[in-house]
Amino acid sequence: KNVLKYYNLTERIDEIGLDFQKDTYDAGIHLNLSGSRKLSSYFAGLLSREFELTDYRTIDEVNKGYIEKIDEYEKIIKENGEAMEK
């Protein structure tokens, strides 16, 4: 009805590189930090290629905002990373 694209990434587990023993905290139901990084990276690349998206990190004015968000993210990971891996 809305012409939305659906991606079933469970069919691409090997391609993504997910290991349910290492990348989930409950044997495959929910991703932990390492699993979510793998999936996010894979999906971002897939969408970028499929829709020819612009990588705004290459635009200095926009990249500054990304750097600030990455710094915030890394701080959260440093403070909570161990718990996020479980």
Protein backbone atom coordinates (compact mmCIF):
# COMPACT_ATOMS: atom_id res chain seq x y z
CA LYS A 1 0.00 0.00 0.00
CA ASN A 2 2.73 2.50 0.98
CA VAL A 3 5.43 1.09 -1.31
CA LEU A 4 7.79 0.53 1.61
CA LYS A 5 10.82 -1.68 1.25
CA TYR A 6 11.22 -4.46 3.81
CA TYR A 7 14.59 -5.98 4.70
CA ASN A 8 14.76 -9.34 6.44
CA LEU A 9 18.34 -9.26 7.65
CA THR A 10 18.01 -12.59 9.41
CA GLU A 11 18.69 -14.04 5.96
CA ARG A 12 22.08 -12.28 5.95
CA ILE A 13 23.46 -13.25 9.36
CA ASP A 14 26.63 -14.78 7.93
CA GLU A 15 27.17 -11.86 5.56
CA ILE A 16 26.77 -9.43 8.48
CA GLY A 17 29.15 -11.51 10.57
CA LEU A 18 26.84 -12.01 13.53
CA ASP A 19 27.71 -14.68 16.07
CA PHE A 20 24.79 -15.26 18.41
CA GLN A 21 27.12 -16.44 21.18
CA LYS A 22 29.16 -13.22 21.08
CA ASP A 23 26.86 -10.60 19.56
CA THR A 24 23.70 -11.16 21.61
CA TYR A 25 23.05 -11.28 25.30
CA ASP A 26 20.22 -13.78 25.12
CA ALA A 27 21.28 -16.36 22.52
CA GLY A 28 19.92 -14.51 19.51
CA ILE A 29 16.85 -12.55 20.53
CA HIS A 30 18.48 -9.16 21.23
CA LEU A 31 21.80 -7.77 20.00
CA ASN A 32 24.41 -6.52 22.42
CA LEU A 33 26.80 -3.64 21.66
CA SER A 34 29.05 -5.59 19.30
CA GLY A 35 26.07 -7.10 17.49
CA SER A 36 24.35 -3.76 17.08
CA ARG A 37 27.54 -2.22 15.68
CA LYS A 38 27.87 -5.01 13.11
CA LEU A 39 24.23 -4.81 12.07
CA SER A 40 24.18 -1.00 11.92
CA SER A 41 27.33 -0.88 9.82
CA TYR A 42 26.04 -3.52 7.43
CA PHE A 43 22.61 -1.91 7.08
CA ALA A 44 24.06 1.58 6.59
CA GLY A 45 26.24 0.29 3.76
CA LEU A 46 23.33 -1.54 2.17
CA LEU A 47 21.07 1.52 2.26
CA SER A 48 23.84 3.82 1.10
CA ARG A 49 24.55 1.68 -1.96
CA GLU A 50 20.94 0.92 -2.79
CA PHE A 51 19.70 4.49 -2.56
CA GLU A 52 22.96 6.29 -3.48
CA LEU A 53 22.85 8.27 -0.25
CA THR A 54 25.16 11.18 0.42
CA ASP A 55 27.70 10.66 3.18
CA TYR A 56 27.29 13.95 4.99
CA ARG A 57 30.33 13.22 7.12
CA THR A 58 32.34 14.44 4.12
CA ILE A 59 30.86 17.94 4.46
CA ASP A 60 32.87 19.85 7.08
CA GLU A 61 29.94 21.90 8.35
CA VAL A 62 27.88 18.78 8.99
CA ASN A 63 30.78 16.59 10.11
CA LYS A 64 31.31 18.77 13.19
CA GLY A 65 27.91 17.64 14.48
CA TYR A 66 28.78 14.00 13.80
CA ILE A 67 32.05 14.34 15.70
CA GLU A 68 30.21 15.77 18.71
CA LYS A 69 27.69 12.90 18.65
CA ILE A 70 30.45 10.31 18.27
CA ASP A 71 32.26 11.81 21.26
CA GLU A 72 29.05 11.57 23.33
CA TYR A 73 28.53 7.99 22.16
CA GLU A 74 32.10 6.97 23.00
CA LYS A 75 31.72 8.51 26.46
CA ILE A 76 28.57 6.47 27.09
CA ILE A 77 30.30 3.32 25.84
CA LYS A 78 33.29 3.98 28.10
CA GLU A 79 31.01 4.42 31.10
CA ASN A 80 28.56 1.61 30.32
CA GLY A 81 30.23 -0.61 27.73
CA GLU A 82 30.66 -3.63 29.96
CA ALA A 83 26.98 -3.68 30.86
CA MET A 84 26.01 -3.13 27.21
CA GLU A 85 27.94 -6.20 26.15
CA LYS A 86 25.95 -8.41 28.50
